[in-house]
Amino acid sequence: MPRLLTSLLVASALLLTGCYSFSGSTLPSHLRTIRIHPLENRTLEAALPDRIYLGLQDGFRSRSSLRPVNVNADAELYGTLMQYSQAPLTTSGSDVTQWRVDILLKAVFIDRVKGDTLYADDRIPGYGTYTPDAGETEETGRTRAIESAVKVVLDNTVLAW
């Protein structure tokens, strides 16, 4: 009897082998291409939307199976830079020792094949800090804020499925 049970367990394990596979992508399988539209800008930071756009392009290339294209995409991503600010984060007496840069994005990710909105968020945060005493500048904070916001968008579009 134990031999029969062992044989059944081995046969079951062999039958189940290959029933599960992981493709590395969590997106619906019919999505193969994406068009990322240039971001609309509602701030006074003229260069920031282009930098976020490039960050999204790079992010989708490196973290998803979607191939960026300019026309006839299976999916489209629209975004708006809503806010940009910087403020003191820490002080020592009357000196600011660390600053925080915040950006706020709005994004919509649409499945053009099925006509569904897969992700929409009006308040996507991105933040970065910089320490002037360490030789860092507002540019350092901007770069970190962009990376932070791009990660949130990618996590919620590519990895949320």
Protein backbone atom coordinates (compact mmCIF):
# COMPACT_ATOMS: atom_id res chain seq x y z
CA MET A 1 0.00 0.00 0.00
CA PRO A 2 2.77 2.58 0.80
CA ARG A 3 4.34 1.82 -2.57
CA LEU A 4 1.05 2.55 -4.37
CA LEU A 5 0.64 5.80 -2.42
CA THR A 6 4.18 6.85 -3.28
CA SER A 7 3.58 6.06 -6.95
CA LEU A 8 0.38 8.10 -6.96
CA LEU A 9 2.12 11.07 -5.34
CA VAL A 10 4.97 10.94 -7.87
CA ALA A 11 2.53 10.65 -10.77
CA SER A 12 0.50 13.59 -9.44
CA ALA A 13 3.60 15.71 -9.05
CA LEU A 14 4.67 14.92 -12.61
CA LEU A 15 1.23 15.78 -13.97
CA LEU A 16 1.22 19.10 -12.16
CA THR A 17 4.69 20.02 -13.38
CA GLY A 18 4.30 22.72 -15.99
CA CYS A 19 0.75 23.63 -15.00
CA TYR A 20 2.02 26.87 -13.51
CA SER A 21 4.32 29.24 -15.26
CA PHE A 22 5.53 32.72 -14.50
CA SER A 23 6.18 35.01 -17.43
CA GLY A 24 7.74 37.85 -15.45
CA SER A 25 4.97 40.18 -16.52
CA THR A 26 1.78 40.83 -14.67
CA LEU A 27 0.08 42.64 -17.56
CA PRO A 28 -2.75 41.17 -19.62
CA SER A 29 -1.15 39.04 -22.34
CA HIS A 30 -2.75 40.97 -25.21
CA LEU A 31 -0.79 44.11 -24.29
CA ARG A 32 2.50 44.20 -26.15
CA THR A 33 3.09 47.88 -26.94
CA ILE A 34 2.61 51.17 -25.13
CA ARG A 35 2.46 54.78 -26.18
CA ILE A 36 3.59 57.14 -23.45
CA HIS A 37 2.31 60.61 -24.19
CA PRO A 38 4.37 63.68 -23.27
CA LEU A 39 3.23 64.99 -19.90
CA GLU A 40 1.04 68.02 -19.60
CA ASN A 41 2.60 70.62 -17.30
CA ARG A 42 0.64 72.62 -14.74
CA THR A 43 3.73 73.97 -12.98
CA LEU A 44 6.37 76.59 -13.68
CA GLU A 45 9.05 73.89 -14.02
CA ALA A 46 9.44 73.77 -17.81
CA ALA A 47 11.96 70.91 -18.10
CA LEU A 48 10.46 68.59 -15.49
CA PRO A 49 7.70 66.95 -17.60
CA ASP A 50 10.25 65.91 -20.24
CA ARG A 51 12.45 64.35 -17.59
CA ILE A 52 9.51 62.43 -16.11
CA TYR A 53 8.49 61.31 -19.63
CA LEU A 54 12.02 59.98 -20.27
CA GLY A 55 11.98 58.25 -16.87
CA LEU A 56 8.71 56.53 -17.78
CA GLN A 57 10.08 55.48 -21.18
CA ASP A 58 13.18 53.97 -19.54
CA GLY A 59 11.09 52.36 -16.80
CA PHE A 60 8.71 50.63 -19.18
CA ARG A 61 11.63 49.39 -21.29
CA SER A 62 13.47 47.94 -18.32
CA ARG A 63 10.63 46.76 -16.05
CA SER A 64 7.95 45.50 -18.42
CA SER A 65 7.37 43.49 -21.52
CA LEU A 66 5.69 46.48 -23.17
CA ARG A 67 7.57 48.01 -26.06
CA PRO A 68 7.22 51.80 -26.37
CA VAL A 69 5.88 52.90 -29.77
CA ASN A 70 4.62 56.20 -31.19
CA VAL A 71 1.46 54.99 -32.96
CA ASN A 72 -1.07 52.14 -32.82
CA ALA A 73 -0.20 50.99 -29.30
CA ASP A 74 -2.08 48.34 -27.36
CA ALA A 75 -1.93 50.56 -24.26
CA GLU A 76 -1.52 54.29 -23.68
CA LEU A 77 -0.28 56.28 -20.72
CA TYR A 78 -1.29 59.91 -20.22
CA GLY A 79 0.18 62.04 -17.47
CA THR A 80 0.12 65.52 -16.00
CA LEU A 81 2.62 67.18 -13.70
CA MET A 82 0.25 68.82 -11.22
CA GLN A 83 2.59 70.31 -8.60
CA TYR A 84 6.21 70.96 -7.80
CA SER A 85 7.56 72.28 -4.52
CA GLN A 86 10.56 72.26 -2.26
CA ALA A 87 10.59 72.96 1.44
CA PRO A 88 12.99 72.73 4.39
CA LEU A 89 13.00 69.26 5.91
CA THR A 90 15.50 69.62 8.76
CA THR A 91 17.19 72.60 10.33
CA SER A 92 20.03 73.35 12.68
CA GLY A 93 19.30 76.65 14.34
CA SER A 94 18.39 79.01 11.54
CA ASP A 95 20.19 76.93 8.85
CA VAL A 96 18.37 74.43 6.64
CA THR A 97 20.37 71.21 6.67
CA GLN A 98 18.11 69.16 4.43
CA TRP A 99 15.48 70.02 1.83
CA ARG A 100 12.59 68.00 0.43
CA VAL A 101 11.40 68.21 -3.18
CA ASP A 102 7.84 67.06 -3.91
CA ILE A 103 6.10 66.44 -7.20
CA LEU A 104 2.54 65.38 -7.79
CA LEU A 105 1.43 63.58 -10.93
CA LYS A 106 -1.83 62.53 -12.47
CA ALA A 107 -1.83 59.44 -14.72
CA VAL A 108 -4.23 57.32 -16.75
CA PHE A 109 -3.25 53.93 -18.22
CA ILE A 110 -5.64 52.69 -20.90
CA ASP A 111 -5.98 49.29 -22.57
CA ARG A 112 -6.74 50.30 -26.19
CA VAL A 113 -7.46 46.70 -27.22
CA LYS A 114 -10.35 46.23 -24.80
CA GLY A 115 -11.15 49.89 -24.15
CA ASP A 116 -10.62 49.64 -20.39
CA THR A 117 -8.97 52.09 -18.02
CA LEU A 118 -6.51 49.88 -16.19
CA TYR A 119 -5.17 52.51 -13.80
CA ALA A 120 -6.02 56.11 -13.00
CA ASP A 121 -4.75 58.24 -10.15
CA ASP A 122 -4.99 61.99 -9.64
CA ARG A 123 -2.47 62.11 -6.77
CA ILE A 124 0.74 60.21 -7.52
CA PRO A 125 3.45 61.49 -5.18
CA GLY A 126 7.15 61.65 -5.79
CA TYR A 127 9.65 63.05 -3.35
CA GLY A 128 13.36 63.39 -2.93
CA THR A 129 15.63 64.99 -0.38
CA TYR A 130 18.94 66.74 -0.69
CA THR A 131 21.57 67.92 1.75
CA PRO A 132 23.50 71.05 0.69
CA ASP A 133 26.29 70.39 3.22
CA ALA A 134 26.94 67.07 1.42
CA GLY A 135 27.33 68.87 -1.90
CA GLU A 136 23.82 68.04 -3.07
CA THR A 137 21.57 70.55 -4.84
CA GLU A 138 17.92 70.99 -5.65
CA GLU A 139 18.70 69.06 -8.84
CA THR A 140 19.59 66.04 -6.68
CA GLY A 141 16.19 66.31 -4.98
CA ARG A 142 14.41 66.66 -8.34
CA THR A 143 16.09 63.56 -9.70
CA ARG A 144 15.11 61.56 -6.62
CA ALA A 145 11.52 62.88 -6.77
CA ILE A 146 11.22 61.88 -10.42
CA GLU A 147 12.57 58.40 -9.70
CA SER A 148 10.12 58.06 -6.82
CA ALA A 149 7.08 59.10 -8.89
CA VAL A 150 8.08 56.95 -11.87
CA LYS A 151 8.38 53.95 -9.56
CA VAL A 152 4.85 54.52 -8.25
CA VAL A 153 3.46 54.72 -11.81
CA LEU A 154 5.31 51.59 -12.91
CA ASP A 155 4.32 49.67 -9.79
CA ASN A 156 0.67 50.50 -10.39
CA THR A 157 0.59 49.89 -14.13
CA VAL A 158 3.06 47.11 -14.86
CA LEU A 159 3.16 45.27 -11.54
CA ALA A 160 -0.36 45.80 -10.22
CA TRP A 161 -1.90 42.89 -12.13
